[in-house]
């Protein structure tokens, strides 16, 4: 059992296979096959409008999906964000030089770290009150990790993140530690 309050910074920790990503997917409404109860603002999650819930949250996955097109088009996809806002975000993240880089299905024109930064920028641009991050510091250089740490530290948003990083875990106001289910009951 745990509670998450507005503005909390919650680190989900545990060994591989302990259910961290499953828990994050359930909280995001991506996995509706769960037992127990999840209450959000006095309402059972299964009874919420999933569309309304998803408008309140942003998610950066561990393995970001990018659409074919330029990096800038990936940030402005669907007209949710202006090119000006996207360019400003790229500049703040130190990767403005990637704006016109073409992304295609068959070719990797970006490093894993660059893809991770673009995924994080989409979350920041969406500007929701609740943010979910799956291993946000993976594949990032030390400057980018520091930006993530600063964001978590100074943001007033509710941020729930999976992390193996002691640096990021120390920033949490709450830590949820999951243990791998032992079939022998130990």
Protein backbone atom coordinates (compact mmCIF):
# COMPACT_ATOMS: atom_id res chain seq x y z
CA UNK A 1 0.00 0.00 0.00
CA UNK A 2 1.19 3.49 -0.76
CA UNK A 3 -0.16 6.98 -1.32
CA UNK A 4 1.08 9.55 -3.78
CA UNK A 5 0.17 13.16 -3.07
CA UNK A 6 0.31 16.14 -5.38
CA UNK A 7 3.89 17.33 -5.75
CA UNK A 8 5.47 14.11 -4.48
CA UNK A 9 8.63 12.81 -6.09
CA UNK A 10 8.31 9.02 -5.97
CA UNK A 11 11.14 6.64 -6.86
CA UNK A 12 10.19 3.06 -7.68
CA UNK A 13 13.15 0.77 -7.00
CA UNK A 14 13.81 -2.93 -7.11
CA UNK A 15 15.73 -5.62 -8.88
CA UNK A 16 15.02 -6.63 -12.47
CA UNK A 17 11.77 -8.57 -12.72
CA UNK A 18 10.29 -7.16 -9.51
CA UNK A 19 7.42 -5.39 -11.32
CA UNK A 20 8.62 -1.77 -11.55
CA UNK A 21 7.63 -1.27 -15.19
CA UNK A 22 4.40 -3.19 -14.68
CA UNK A 23 3.46 -0.89 -11.80
CA UNK A 24 4.31 2.18 -13.88
CA UNK A 25 2.22 0.86 -16.80
CA UNK A 26 -0.73 0.24 -14.48
CA UNK A 27 -0.49 3.75 -13.03
CA UNK A 28 -0.40 5.19 -16.57
CA UNK A 29 -3.48 3.21 -17.61
CA UNK A 30 -1.53 1.11 -20.11
CA UNK A 31 -2.14 -2.13 -18.23
CA UNK A 32 -5.68 -2.54 -16.91
CA UNK A 33 -5.15 -6.14 -15.81
CA UNK A 34 -4.40 -5.72 -12.11
CA UNK A 35 -5.79 -6.90 -8.82
CA UNK A 36 -6.33 -4.68 -5.84
CA UNK A 37 -7.49 -1.09 -5.89
CA UNK A 38 -6.04 2.09 -7.29
CA UNK A 39 -7.87 5.16 -6.06
CA UNK A 40 -7.30 8.49 -7.81
CA UNK A 41 -9.05 11.48 -6.26
CA UNK A 42 -11.54 9.18 -4.49
CA UNK A 43 -12.38 7.26 -7.67
CA UNK A 44 -11.34 3.73 -8.64
CA UNK A 45 -8.94 3.90 -11.60
CA UNK A 46 -10.89 1.29 -13.55
CA UNK A 47 -13.91 3.63 -13.47
CA UNK A 48 -12.03 6.73 -14.64
CA UNK A 49 -12.19 8.03 -18.17
CA UNK A 50 -8.86 6.76 -19.50
CA UNK A 51 -8.78 9.64 -21.99
CA UNK A 52 -9.15 12.22 -19.22
CA UNK A 53 -6.51 10.44 -17.10
CA UNK A 54 -4.03 10.38 -19.98
CA UNK A 55 -4.56 14.12 -20.47
CA UNK A 56 -3.28 14.57 -16.90
CA UNK A 57 -0.12 12.50 -17.31
CA UNK A 58 3.04 12.28 -19.39
CA UNK A 59 5.23 9.21 -19.81
CA UNK A 60 8.81 8.84 -20.98
CA UNK A 61 9.54 5.17 -21.58
CA UNK A 62 12.89 3.46 -21.28
CA UNK A 63 12.87 2.68 -25.01
CA UNK A 64 11.45 5.77 -26.73
CA UNK A 65 9.46 5.47 -29.95
CA UNK A 66 10.13 8.18 -32.51
CA UNK A 67 8.12 8.75 -35.66
CA UNK A 68 9.68 8.95 -39.14
CA UNK A 69 10.49 12.58 -39.94
CA UNK A 70 12.73 15.15 -38.33
CA UNK A 71 13.42 15.50 -34.63
CA UNK A 72 11.53 18.81 -34.70
CA UNK A 73 8.52 17.10 -36.32
CA UNK A 74 8.62 14.48 -33.55
CA UNK A 75 8.27 17.26 -30.98
CA UNK A 76 5.54 19.18 -32.84
CA UNK A 77 3.60 16.08 -33.99
CA UNK A 78 -0.15 16.62 -33.82
CA UNK A 79 0.20 20.38 -33.43
CA UNK A 80 0.35 20.18 -29.65
CA UNK A 81 3.52 22.25 -29.45
CA UNK A 82 4.74 25.13 -31.59
CA UNK A 83 8.04 24.96 -33.44
CA UNK A 84 9.21 27.86 -31.30
CA UNK A 85 8.49 25.98 -28.06
CA UNK A 86 10.10 22.82 -29.44
CA UNK A 87 13.22 24.68 -30.58
CA UNK A 88 13.49 26.37 -27.18
CA UNK A 89 13.24 22.96 -25.46
CA UNK A 90 15.86 21.46 -27.80
CA UNK A 91 18.15 24.39 -27.04
CA UNK A 92 17.61 24.04 -23.27
CA UNK A 93 18.50 20.33 -23.51
CA UNK A 94 21.60 21.22 -25.53
CA UNK A 95 20.53 19.34 -28.66
CA UNK A 96 19.18 22.08 -30.93
CA UNK A 97 21.61 20.84 -33.59
CA UNK A 98 19.37 17.75 -33.93
CA UNK A 99 16.23 19.69 -34.96
CA UNK A 100 16.45 18.84 -38.67
CA UNK A 101 17.95 15.35 -38.24
CA UNK A 102 15.87 12.83 -40.18
CA UNK A 103 14.57 9.78 -38.38
CA UNK A 104 13.58 6.78 -40.44
CA UNK A 105 12.27 3.33 -39.59
CA UNK A 106 15.20 1.48 -41.16
CA UNK A 107 18.07 3.73 -40.10
CA UNK A 108 19.33 4.77 -36.69
CA UNK A 109 20.43 8.37 -37.11
CA UNK A 110 20.29 9.08 -33.37
CA UNK A 111 22.14 7.59 -30.43
CA UNK A 112 20.15 5.93 -27.65
CA UNK A 113 20.95 8.92 -25.40
CA UNK A 114 19.67 11.39 -28.02
CA UNK A 115 16.42 9.42 -28.35
CA UNK A 116 16.06 9.44 -24.55
CA UNK A 117 16.51 13.25 -24.44
CA UNK A 118 13.89 13.73 -27.17
CA UNK A 119 11.46 11.51 -25.25
CA UNK A 120 12.05 13.56 -22.11
CA UNK A 121 11.47 16.77 -24.06
CA UNK A 122 8.08 15.50 -25.25
CA UNK A 123 7.12 14.92 -21.62
CA UNK A 124 8.25 18.39 -20.60
CA UNK A 125 6.48 20.05 -23.53
CA UNK A 126 3.20 18.27 -22.74
CA UNK A 127 3.25 20.12 -19.40
CA UNK A 128 0.99 17.81 -17.41
CA UNK A 129 0.66 17.85 -13.61
CA UNK A 130 1.81 14.22 -13.32
CA UNK A 131 4.93 12.79 -14.95
CA UNK A 132 6.00 9.16 -15.17
CA UNK A 133 9.61 8.35 -16.10
CA UNK A 134 11.04 4.89 -16.75
CA UNK A 135 14.79 4.98 -16.02
CA UNK A 136 15.15 8.64 -17.11
CA UNK A 137 18.92 8.75 -16.65
CA UNK A 138 19.70 5.70 -18.84
CA UNK A 139 22.08 6.45 -21.71
CA UNK A 140 22.47 10.13 -20.75
CA UNK A 141 25.69 12.05 -20.30
CA UNK A 142 26.42 13.66 -16.92
CA UNK A 143 25.14 17.10 -18.01
CA UNK A 144 21.80 15.62 -19.11
CA UNK A 145 21.52 13.59 -15.91
CA UNK A 146 22.09 16.81 -13.95
CA UNK A 147 19.27 18.48 -15.93
CA UNK A 148 16.94 15.60 -14.99
CA UNK A 149 17.99 15.84 -11.35
CA UNK A 150 17.40 19.61 -11.33
CA UNK A 151 13.99 19.14 -12.91
CA UNK A 152 12.97 16.53 -10.33
CA UNK A 153 14.32 18.66 -7.47
CA UNK A 154 12.73 21.96 -8.43
CA UNK A 155 9.51 20.94 -10.16
CA UNK A 156 6.18 21.36 -8.39
CA UNK A 157 4.74 18.52 -10.49
CA UNK A 158 4.08 15.01 -9.21
CA UNK A 159 6.87 12.85 -10.62
CA UNK A 160 6.93 9.06 -10.38
CA UNK A 161 10.06 7.42 -11.72
CA UNK A 162 11.80 4.09 -11.91
CA UNK A 163 15.47 4.32 -11.13
CA UNK A 164 18.50 2.23 -10.27
CA UNK A 165 20.47 5.44 -9.73
CA UNK A 166 21.25 6.31 -6.12
CA UNK A 167 21.53 9.97 -7.21
CA UNK A 168 17.95 10.02 -8.46
CA UNK A 169 16.57 7.92 -5.61
CA UNK A 170 17.96 10.41 -3.08
CA UNK A 171 15.81 13.14 -4.67
CA UNK A 172 12.58 11.27 -3.93
CA UNK A 173 10.17 12.35 -1.22
CA UNK A 174 8.94 8.73 -1.19
CA UNK A 175 10.60 5.49 -2.26
CA UNK A 176 8.65 2.38 -3.22
CA UNK A 177 10.85 -0.71 -3.06
CA UNK A 178 9.56 -3.76 -4.90
CA UNK A 179 10.83 -7.26 -4.29
CA UNK A 180 10.89 -10.06 -6.81
CA UNK A 181 8.18 -12.64 -6.11
CA UNK A 182 9.80 -15.81 -4.79
CA UNK A 183 7.84 -18.91 -5.92
CA UNK A 184 9.00 -20.68 -2.71
CA UNK A 185 7.42 -18.03 -0.50
CA UNK A 186 10.78 -16.73 0.82
